[in-house]
Amino acid sequence: MKFSLPSFVNKKNIIKLLINRYFLIGVAFLLLIILGENSIVYSYKLHKQLNEMKAKKEFYIEEIKQDSINIIRLQTDMEAIEKYGREKYLMKKDNEDIFIIR
């Protein structure tokens, strides 16, 4: 089975197409969209990075709210201060022994 091209595809028509200014402008435009400074790939990466940053922003807003609540609690409640000191800084009373299990 032999593969044959359609009759309108020959060297003369291909050369005319490659020399055609509208074809050349179209190819240049496509290359600019794909490879340029503001290309589709670059825009996709920026969009992905923006979504990641929005997720981080939400996470940090929640962390700030939680920390603000903890600060208010530590400023007003002596038991909270004692609990925080024992958990975070491994503080103890004079007559206690602490065993750390990790």
N, C-alpha and C. Protein backbone atom coordinates (compact mmCIF):
# COMPACT_ATOMS: atom_id res chain seq x y z
N MET A 1 0.85 -1.17 0.00
CA MET A 1 0.00 0.00 0.00
C MET A 1 0.90 1.24 0.00
N LYS A 2 0.71 2.04 -0.98
CA LYS A 2 1.53 3.23 -1.14
C LYS A 2 0.75 4.45 -0.68
N PHE A 3 1.43 5.29 0.09
CA PHE A 3 0.80 6.51 0.60
C PHE A 3 0.99 7.62 -0.42
N SER A 4 -0.10 8.26 -0.77
CA SER A 4 0.01 9.36 -1.73
C SER A 4 -0.64 10.61 -1.15
N LEU A 5 -0.05 11.74 -1.45
CA LEU A 5 -0.57 13.02 -0.99
C LEU A 5 -1.70 13.49 -1.90
N PRO A 6 -2.58 14.31 -1.38
CA PRO A 6 -3.62 14.87 -2.25
C PRO A 6 -3.01 15.69 -3.38
N SER A 7 -3.77 15.91 -4.40
CA SER A 7 -3.25 16.57 -5.59
C SER A 7 -2.89 18.04 -5.33
N PHE A 8 -3.55 18.69 -4.38
CA PHE A 8 -3.25 20.12 -4.14
C PHE A 8 -1.99 20.32 -3.30
N VAL A 9 -1.43 19.23 -2.75
CA VAL A 9 -0.20 19.33 -1.96
C VAL A 9 0.97 18.97 -2.86
N ASN A 10 1.72 19.97 -3.25
CA ASN A 10 2.94 19.75 -4.00
C ASN A 10 3.97 20.79 -3.57
N LYS A 11 5.16 20.71 -4.07
CA LYS A 11 6.23 21.60 -3.62
C LYS A 11 5.90 23.07 -3.89
N LYS A 12 5.26 23.33 -5.00
CA LYS A 12 4.95 24.70 -5.36
C LYS A 12 3.96 25.31 -4.36
N ASN A 13 2.92 24.55 -3.98
CA ASN A 13 1.93 25.06 -3.03
C ASN A 13 2.52 25.20 -1.61
N ILE A 14 3.39 24.29 -1.25
CA ILE A 14 4.02 24.36 0.07
C ILE A 14 4.93 25.58 0.16
N ILE A 15 5.68 25.86 -0.89
CA ILE A 15 6.55 27.04 -0.91
C ILE A 15 5.73 28.31 -0.86
N LYS A 16 4.62 28.35 -1.58
CA LYS A 16 3.74 29.52 -1.56
C LYS A 16 3.19 29.75 -0.14
N LEU A 17 2.83 28.66 0.51
CA LEU A 17 2.30 28.76 1.87
C LEU A 17 3.35 29.29 2.83
N LEU A 18 4.59 28.80 2.72
CA LEU A 18 5.65 29.23 3.62
C LEU A 18 6.07 30.68 3.38
N ILE A 19 5.88 31.17 2.18
CA ILE A 19 6.23 32.55 1.86
C ILE A 19 5.06 33.50 2.18
N ASN A 20 3.87 32.99 2.30
CA ASN A 20 2.69 33.82 2.55
C ASN A 20 2.87 34.60 3.86
N ARG A 21 2.66 35.92 3.80
CA ARG A 21 2.91 36.76 4.98
C ARG A 21 1.92 36.48 6.10
N TYR A 22 0.70 36.14 5.78
CA TYR A 22 -0.29 35.84 6.83
C TYR A 22 0.07 34.55 7.56
N PHE A 23 0.56 33.59 6.84
CA PHE A 23 1.03 32.36 7.47
C PHE A 23 2.21 32.63 8.38
N LEU A 24 3.16 33.43 7.92
CA LEU A 24 4.33 33.76 8.72
C LEU A 24 3.95 34.54 9.97
N ILE A 25 3.02 35.48 9.84
CA ILE A 25 2.55 36.24 10.99
C ILE A 25 1.84 35.32 11.98
N GLY A 26 1.05 34.40 11.47
CA GLY A 26 0.36 33.44 12.34
C GLY A 26 1.33 32.55 13.10
N VAL A 27 2.36 32.07 12.42
CA VAL A 27 3.37 31.23 13.07
C VAL A 27 4.12 32.04 14.12
N ALA A 28 4.47 33.28 13.78
CA ALA A 28 5.17 34.13 14.75
C ALA A 28 4.28 34.40 15.98
N PHE A 29 3.00 34.62 15.76
CA PHE A 29 2.07 34.86 16.86
C PHE A 29 1.96 33.62 17.76
N LEU A 30 1.86 32.45 17.16
CA LEU A 30 1.80 31.22 17.95
C LEU A 30 3.08 31.00 18.75
N LEU A 31 4.22 31.27 18.14
CA LEU A 31 5.48 31.14 18.87
C LEU A 31 5.56 32.13 20.03
N LEU A 32 5.04 33.34 19.80
CA LEU A 32 5.03 34.35 20.85
C LEU A 32 4.13 33.92 22.01
N ILE A 33 2.99 33.34 21.69
CA ILE A 33 2.08 32.87 22.74
C ILE A 33 2.71 31.72 23.52
N ILE A 34 3.39 30.83 22.84
CA ILE A 34 3.95 29.64 23.50
C ILE A 34 5.27 29.95 24.20
N LEU A 35 6.14 30.74 23.59
CA LEU A 35 7.49 30.93 24.10
C LEU A 35 7.78 32.32 24.65
N GLY A 36 6.86 33.24 24.52
CA GLY A 36 7.12 34.63 24.90
C GLY A 36 7.21 34.85 26.40
N GLU A 37 7.41 36.11 26.76
CA GLU A 37 7.57 36.50 28.15
C GLU A 37 6.29 36.24 28.95
N ASN A 38 5.15 36.46 28.37
CA ASN A 38 3.86 36.22 29.02
C ASN A 38 3.17 35.02 28.38
N SER A 39 3.89 33.93 28.25
CA SER A 39 3.38 32.76 27.56
C SER A 39 2.32 32.05 28.37
N ILE A 40 1.68 31.11 27.75
CA ILE A 40 0.63 30.32 28.41
C ILE A 40 1.23 29.50 29.54
N VAL A 41 2.40 28.93 29.33
CA VAL A 41 3.05 28.11 30.35
C VAL A 41 3.39 28.97 31.57
N TYR A 42 3.94 30.15 31.34
CA TYR A 42 4.29 31.05 32.43
C TYR A 42 3.04 31.50 33.18
N SER A 43 1.98 31.80 32.45
CA SER A 43 0.72 32.20 33.09
C SER A 43 0.17 31.07 33.94
N TYR A 44 0.26 29.85 33.47
CA TYR A 44 -0.21 28.70 34.24
C TYR A 44 0.59 28.55 35.54
N LYS A 45 1.91 28.70 35.45
CA LYS A 45 2.75 28.60 36.64
C LYS A 45 2.40 29.69 37.64
N LEU A 46 2.19 30.91 37.16
CA LEU A 46 1.82 32.00 38.05
C LEU A 46 0.46 31.75 38.71
N HIS A 47 -0.48 31.22 37.95
CA HIS A 47 -1.80 30.92 38.49
C HIS A 47 -1.71 29.85 39.57
N LYS A 48 -0.90 28.84 39.33
CA LYS A 48 -0.70 27.76 40.30
C LYS A 48 -0.04 28.31 41.57
N GLN A 49 0.95 29.17 41.40
CA GLN A 49 1.63 29.78 42.54
C GLN A 49 0.68 30.67 43.33
N LEU A 50 -0.19 31.39 42.64
CA LEU A 50 -1.17 32.24 43.31
C LEU A 50 -2.12 31.41 44.16
N ASN A 51 -2.58 30.28 43.64
CA ASN A 51 -3.47 29.41 44.41
C ASN A 51 -2.77 28.86 45.65
N GLU A 52 -1.50 28.49 45.52
CA GLU A 52 -0.74 28.00 46.67
C GLU A 52 -0.61 29.09 47.73
N MET A 53 -0.35 30.32 47.29
CA MET A 53 -0.20 31.43 48.22
C MET A 53 -1.52 31.76 48.92
N LYS A 54 -2.62 31.63 48.21
CA LYS A 54 -3.93 31.86 48.84
C LYS A 54 -4.19 30.82 49.92
N ALA A 55 -3.82 29.57 49.65
CA ALA A 55 -3.99 28.52 50.65
C ALA A 55 -3.11 28.79 51.87
N LYS A 56 -1.87 29.23 51.65
CA LYS A 56 -0.99 29.56 52.76
C LYS A 56 -1.54 30.74 53.55
N LYS A 57 -2.12 31.71 52.85
CA LYS A 57 -2.70 32.87 53.52
C LYS A 57 -3.81 32.44 54.46
N GLU A 58 -4.69 31.58 53.98
CA GLU A 58 -5.78 31.08 54.83
C GLU A 58 -5.23 30.34 56.05
N PHE A 59 -4.20 29.53 55.84
CA PHE A 59 -3.58 28.79 56.94
C PHE A 59 -3.03 29.75 57.98
N TYR A 60 -2.30 30.76 57.53
CA TYR A 60 -1.69 31.69 58.48
C TYR A 60 -2.72 32.57 59.18
N ILE A 61 -3.81 32.90 58.51
CA ILE A 61 -4.88 33.66 59.16
C ILE A 61 -5.48 32.84 60.30
N GLU A 62 -5.69 31.55 60.06
CA GLU A 62 -6.21 30.68 61.12
C GLU A 62 -5.20 30.55 62.26
N GLU A 63 -3.92 30.45 61.93
CA GLU A 63 -2.89 30.37 62.97
C GLU A 63 -2.85 31.65 63.81
N ILE A 64 -2.99 32.80 63.16
CA ILE A 64 -2.99 34.07 63.88
C ILE A 64 -4.19 34.15 64.82
N LYS A 65 -5.35 33.71 64.36
CA LYS A 65 -6.53 33.70 65.22
C LYS A 65 -6.31 32.81 66.44
N GLN A 66 -5.76 31.62 66.21
CA GLN A 66 -5.51 30.68 67.30
C GLN A 66 -4.48 31.25 68.28
N ASP A 67 -3.43 31.87 67.76
CA ASP A 67 -2.41 32.46 68.63
C ASP A 67 -2.97 33.64 69.41
N SER A 68 -3.82 34.43 68.79
CA SER A 68 -4.44 35.55 69.51
C SER A 68 -5.28 35.06 70.67
N ILE A 69 -6.03 33.99 70.44
CA ILE A 69 -6.83 33.40 71.52
C ILE A 69 -5.92 32.89 72.63
N ASN A 70 -4.82 32.24 72.26
CA ASN A 70 -3.87 31.74 73.26
C ASN A 70 -3.23 32.88 74.05
N ILE A 71 -2.91 33.97 73.40
CA ILE A 71 -2.30 35.11 74.09
C ILE A 71 -3.26 35.69 75.12
N ILE A 72 -4.51 35.87 74.73
CA ILE A 72 -5.51 36.41 75.66
C ILE A 72 -5.69 35.46 76.84
N ARG A 73 -5.72 34.17 76.56
CA ARG A 73 -5.89 33.18 77.62
C ARG A 73 -4.69 33.18 78.56
N LEU A 74 -3.49 33.32 78.01
CA LEU A 74 -2.30 33.34 78.85
C LEU A 74 -2.18 34.62 79.67
N GLN A 75 -2.73 35.71 79.18
CA GLN A 75 -2.69 36.97 79.92
C GLN A 75 -3.68 36.99 81.08
N THR A 76 -4.71 36.16 81.03
CA THR A 76 -5.76 36.23 82.05
C THR A 76 -5.81 35.03 82.97
N ASP A 77 -5.34 33.88 82.57
CA ASP A 77 -5.53 32.65 83.34
C ASP A 77 -4.19 32.11 83.84
N MET A 78 -4.03 32.04 85.16
CA MET A 78 -2.78 31.53 85.74
C MET A 78 -2.60 30.03 85.48
N GLU A 79 -3.68 29.28 85.47
CA GLU A 79 -3.57 27.84 85.19
C GLU A 79 -3.09 27.61 83.76
N ALA A 80 -3.52 28.46 82.83
CA ALA A 80 -3.07 28.34 81.45
C ALA A 80 -1.58 28.63 81.33
N ILE A 81 -1.11 29.62 82.11
CA ILE A 81 0.32 29.94 82.11
C ILE A 81 1.13 28.75 82.63
N GLU A 82 0.65 28.15 83.72
CA GLU A 82 1.35 27.00 84.29
C GLU A 82 1.36 25.83 83.31
N LYS A 83 0.23 25.56 82.69
CA LYS A 83 0.14 24.46 81.73
C LYS A 83 1.07 24.70 80.54
N TYR A 84 1.08 25.92 80.04
CA TYR A 84 1.93 26.27 78.90
C TYR A 84 3.41 26.10 79.27
N GLY A 85 3.80 26.58 80.44
CA GLY A 85 5.18 26.45 80.88
C GLY A 85 5.59 25.00 81.04
N ARG A 86 4.69 24.18 81.58
CA ARG A 86 5.01 22.76 81.76
C ARG A 86 5.14 22.05 80.41
N GLU A 87 4.25 22.33 79.46
CA GLU A 87 4.26 21.64 78.17
C GLU A 87 5.38 22.14 77.26
N LYS A 88 5.51 23.45 77.17
CA LYS A 88 6.43 24.02 76.20
C LYS A 88 7.88 24.02 76.69
N TYR A 89 8.08 24.42 77.95
CA TYR A 89 9.44 24.60 78.46
C TYR A 89 9.85 23.54 79.48
N LEU A 90 9.02 22.51 79.65
CA LEU A 90 9.30 21.39 80.55
C LEU A 90 9.62 21.86 81.97
N MET A 91 8.90 22.88 82.41
CA MET A 91 9.09 23.38 83.78
C MET A 91 8.40 22.45 84.76
N LYS A 92 8.86 22.49 86.00
CA LYS A 92 8.29 21.63 87.03
C LYS A 92 8.32 22.35 88.37
N LYS A 93 7.54 21.82 89.29
CA LYS A 93 7.57 22.33 90.65
C LYS A 93 8.76 21.72 91.37
N ASP A 94 9.13 22.28 92.51
CA ASP A 94 10.33 21.82 93.22
C ASP A 94 10.23 20.37 93.67
N ASN A 95 9.06 19.93 94.07
CA ASN A 95 8.93 18.57 94.61
C ASN A 95 8.44 17.56 93.57
N GLU A 96 8.62 17.82 92.28
CA GLU A 96 8.13 16.93 91.22
C GLU A 96 9.31 16.35 90.44
N ASP A 97 9.04 15.18 89.86
CA ASP A 97 9.94 14.60 88.89
C ASP A 97 9.17 14.47 87.59
N ILE A 98 9.84 14.77 86.48
CA ILE A 98 9.20 14.72 85.16
C ILE A 98 9.85 13.61 84.34
N PHE A 99 9.03 12.78 83.76
CA PHE A 99 9.50 11.75 82.85
C PHE A 99 9.00 12.09 81.46
N ILE A 100 9.89 12.25 80.51
CA ILE A 100 9.54 12.62 79.14
C ILE A 100 9.53 11.36 78.29
N ILE A 101 8.39 11.11 77.69
CA ILE A 101 8.23 9.94 76.82
C ILE A 101 7.96 10.47 75.41
N ARG A 102 8.83 10.15 74.47
CA ARG A 102 8.65 10.62 73.10
C ARG A 102 8.66 9.47 72.14
